[in-house]
C-alpha atoms as a PDB file:
ATOM      1  CA  UNK A   1     102.447  98.624 124.361  1.00  0.00           C
ATOM      2  CA  UNK A   2     101.817  95.474 125.827  1.00  0.00           C
ATOM      3  CA  UNK A   3      97.856  94.835 126.340  1.00  0.00           C
ATOM      4  CA  UNK A   4      96.583  93.534 129.288  1.00  0.00           C
ATOM      5  CA  UNK A   5      96.471  89.951 128.392  1.00  0.00           C
ATOM      6  CA  UNK A   6     100.370  90.039 127.697  1.00  0.00           C
ATOM      7  CA  UNK A   7     100.981  91.886 130.815  1.00  0.00           C
ATOM      8  CA  UNK A   8      99.037  89.150 132.982  1.00  0.00           C
ATOM      9  CA  UNK A   9     100.849  86.611 131.209  1.00  0.00           C
ATOM     10  CA  UNK A  10     104.412  88.390 131.755  1.00  0.00           C
ATOM     11  CA  UNK A  11     103.374  88.810 135.620  1.00  0.00           C
ATOM     12  CA  UNK A  12     102.249  85.021 136.043  1.00  0.00           C
ATOM     13  CA  UNK A  13     105.266  83.656 134.012  1.00  0.00           C
ATOM     14  CA  UNK A  14     107.454  85.877 136.395  1.00  0.00           C
ATOM     15  CA  UNK A  15     105.993  84.771 139.509  1.00  0.00           C
ATOM     16  CA  UNK A  16     106.263  81.042 138.414  1.00  0.00           C
ATOM     17  CA  UNK A  17     108.792  79.208 140.622  1.00  0.00           C
ATOM     18  CA  UNK A  18     109.704  77.135 137.695  1.00  0.00           C
ATOM     19  CA  UNK A  19     110.807  80.437 135.605  1.00  0.00           C
ATOM     20  CA  UNK A  20     112.899  82.021 138.355  1.00  0.00           C
ATOM     21  CA  UNK A  21     114.570  78.530 138.851  1.00  0.00           C
ATOM     22  CA  UNK A  22     115.335  78.547 134.950  1.00  0.00           C
ATOM     23  CA  UNK A  23     116.523  82.399 135.307  1.00  0.00           C
ATOM     24  CA  UNK A  24     119.203  81.228 138.213  1.00  0.00           C
ATOM     25  CA  UNK A  25     120.179  78.470 136.295  1.00  0.00           C
ATOM     26  CA  UNK A  26     121.013  80.285 132.827  1.00  0.00           C
ATOM     27  CA  UNK A  27     122.500  83.050 134.965  1.00  0.00           C
ATOM     28  CA  UNK A  28     124.824  80.677 136.977  1.00  0.00           C
ATOM     29  CA  UNK A  29     126.016  78.695 133.971  1.00  0.00           C
ATOM     30  CA  UNK A  30     126.646  82.226 132.109  1.00  0.00           C
ATOM     31  CA  UNK A  31     128.673  83.307 135.119  1.00  0.00           C
ATOM     32  CA  UNK A  32     130.693  80.131 135.045  1.00  0.00           C
ATOM     33  CA  UNK A  33     131.580  80.209 131.137  1.00  0.00           C
ATOM     34  CA  UNK A  34     132.185  84.011 131.948  1.00  0.00           C
ATOM     35  CA  UNK A  35     134.491  83.115 134.673  1.00  0.00           C
ATOM     36  CA  UNK A  36     136.265  80.241 132.824  1.00  0.00           C
ATOM     37  CA  UNK A  37     137.175  82.919 129.698  1.00  0.00           C
ATOM     38  CA  UNK A  38     138.227  85.590 131.869  1.00  0.00           C
ATOM     39  CA  UNK A  39     140.709  83.339 133.967  1.00  0.00           C
ATOM     40  CA  UNK A  40     142.176  82.029 130.433  1.00  0.00           C
ATOM     41  CA  UNK A  41     142.557  85.630 129.207  1.00  0.00           C
ATOM     42  CA  UNK A  42     144.160  86.632 132.528  1.00  0.00           C
ATOM     43  CA  UNK A  43     146.339  83.767 132.481  1.00  0.00           C
ATOM     44  CA  UNK A  44     147.365  84.669 128.821  1.00  0.00           C
ATOM     45  CA  UNK A  45     148.039  88.287 129.853  1.00  0.00           C
ATOM     46  CA  UNK A  46     150.234  87.195 132.914  1.00  0.00           C
ATOM     47  CA  UNK A  47     152.026  85.049 130.692  1.00  0.00           C
ATOM     48  CA  UNK A  48     152.806  88.093 128.179  1.00  0.00           C
ATOM     49  CA  UNK A  49     153.637  90.083 131.409  1.00  0.00           C
ATOM     50  CA  UNK A  50     155.911  87.695 133.221  1.00  0.00           C
ATOM     51  CA  UNK A  51     157.257  85.211 130.601  1.00  0.00           C
ATOM     52  CA  UNK A  52     157.541  86.947 127.317  1.00  0.00           C
ATOM     53  CA  UNK A  53     160.239  84.303 126.596  1.00  0.00           C
ATOM     54  CA  UNK A  54     158.010  81.252 126.578  1.00  0.00           C
ATOM     55  CA  UNK A  55     155.897  82.846 124.489  1.00  0.00           C
ATOM     56  CA  UNK A  56     158.253  84.157 122.000  1.00  0.00           C
ATOM     57  CA  UNK A  57     160.010  80.754 121.563  1.00  0.00           C
ATOM     58  CA  UNK A  58     159.870  79.460 118.214  1.00  0.00           C
ATOM     59  CA  UNK A  59     157.556  76.266 117.218  1.00  0.00           C
ATOM     60  CA  UNK A  60     160.146  73.924 115.919  1.00  0.00           C
ATOM     61  CA  UNK A  61     162.461  75.304 113.435  1.00  0.00           C
ATOM     62  CA  UNK A  62     160.046  77.811 112.103  1.00  0.00           C
ATOM     63  CA  UNK A  63     159.418  81.305 112.854  1.00  0.00           C
ATOM     64  CA  UNK A  64     155.828  81.073 114.206  1.00  0.00           C
ATOM     65  CA  UNK A  65     156.097  81.579 118.188  1.00  0.00           C
ATOM     66  CA  UNK A  66     154.062  79.487 120.879  1.00  0.00           C
ATOM     67  CA  UNK A  67     152.166  82.645 121.591  1.00  0.00           C
ATOM     68  CA  UNK A  68     150.298  82.556 118.322  1.00  0.00           C
ATOM     69  CA  UNK A  69     148.638  79.115 118.856  1.00  0.00           C
ATOM     70  CA  UNK A  70     147.939  80.170 122.456  1.00  0.00           C
ATOM     71  CA  UNK A  71     146.174  83.327 121.352  1.00  0.00           C
ATOM     72  CA  UNK A  72     144.474  81.564 118.647  1.00  0.00           C
ATOM     73  CA  UNK A  73     143.412  78.662 121.264  1.00  0.00           C
ATOM     74  CA  UNK A  74     141.854  81.398 123.259  1.00  0.00           C
ATOM     75  CA  UNK A  75     139.997  82.873 120.497  1.00  0.00           C
ATOM     76  CA  UNK A  76     138.385  79.029 119.821  1.00  0.00           C
ATOM     77  CA  UNK A  77     138.079  78.852 123.443  1.00  0.00           C
ATOM     78  CA  UNK A  78     135.744  81.572 123.330  1.00  0.00           C
ATOM     79  CA  UNK A  79     133.534  80.590 120.346  1.00  0.00           C
ATOM     80  CA  UNK A  80     133.570  77.055 121.688  1.00  0.00           C
ATOM     81  CA  UNK A  81     132.344  78.132 124.909  1.00  0.00           C
ATOM     82  CA  UNK A  82     129.618  80.461 123.260  1.00  0.00           C
ATOM     83  CA  UNK A  83     128.678  77.334 120.842  1.00  0.00           C
ATOM     84  CA  UNK A  84     128.356  75.271 124.207  1.00  0.00           C
ATOM     85  CA  UNK A  85     126.187  77.912 125.836  1.00  0.00           C
ATOM     86  CA  UNK A  86     123.700  78.124 122.626  1.00  0.00           C
ATOM     87  CA  UNK A  87     123.765  74.375 122.643  1.00  0.00           C
ATOM     88  CA  UNK A  88     122.896  73.779 126.090  1.00  0.00           C
ATOM     89  CA  UNK A  89     120.288  76.801 125.813  1.00  0.00           C
ATOM     90  CA  UNK A  90     118.757  75.439 123.085  1.00  0.00           C
ATOM     91  CA  UNK A  91     118.348  71.642 124.091  1.00  0.00           C
ATOM     92  CA  UNK A  92     117.293  72.517 127.925  1.00  0.00           C
ATOM     93  CA  UNK A  93     116.196  76.126 128.696  1.00  0.00           C
ATOM     94  CA  UNK A  94     113.957  76.704 125.304  1.00  0.00           C
ATOM     95  CA  UNK A  95     112.355  73.616 126.149  1.00  0.00           C
ATOM     96  CA  UNK A  96     111.855  74.481 129.640  1.00  0.00           C
ATOM     97  CA  UNK A  97     110.537  77.813 128.863  1.00  0.00           C
ATOM     98  CA  UNK A  98     108.033  76.540 126.174  1.00  0.00           C
ATOM     99  CA  UNK A  99     106.610  74.305 128.802  1.00  0.00           C
ATOM    100  CA  UNK A 100     106.212  77.230 131.313  1.00  0.00           C
ATOM    101  CA  UNK A 101     104.635  79.347 128.386  1.00  0.00           C
ATOM    102  CA  UNK A 102     102.244  76.424 127.711  1.00  0.00           C
ATOM    103  CA  UNK A 103     101.089  76.156 131.285  1.00  0.00           C
ATOM    104  CA  UNK A 104     100.114  79.556 131.593  1.00  0.00           C
ATOM    105  CA  UNK A 105      98.054  79.344 128.304  1.00  0.00           C
ATOM    106  CA  UNK A 106     100.702  81.456 125.647  1.00  0.00           C
END
């Protein structure tokens, strides 16, 4: 159970306008990245549903179809977007949060 000092710090940080702005920016970024990956997966599913022949077309003279690298690309896109979020958070959000906590004596 948090002590009185921790509760006061939590309340002070939560009331700080910089913290509220940080939370909004972080949430907005998260929603945009989620929308990007969602749109990509929906697009892939629509291709599967409406143009199976395109995804089933072989690459060159091999047996691998176009659908395999496209599906792999979606997985790599999800990993890249996650990495981009973590990189951005480490560079910007963490520094801003540290400054807010320092200003409140934490």
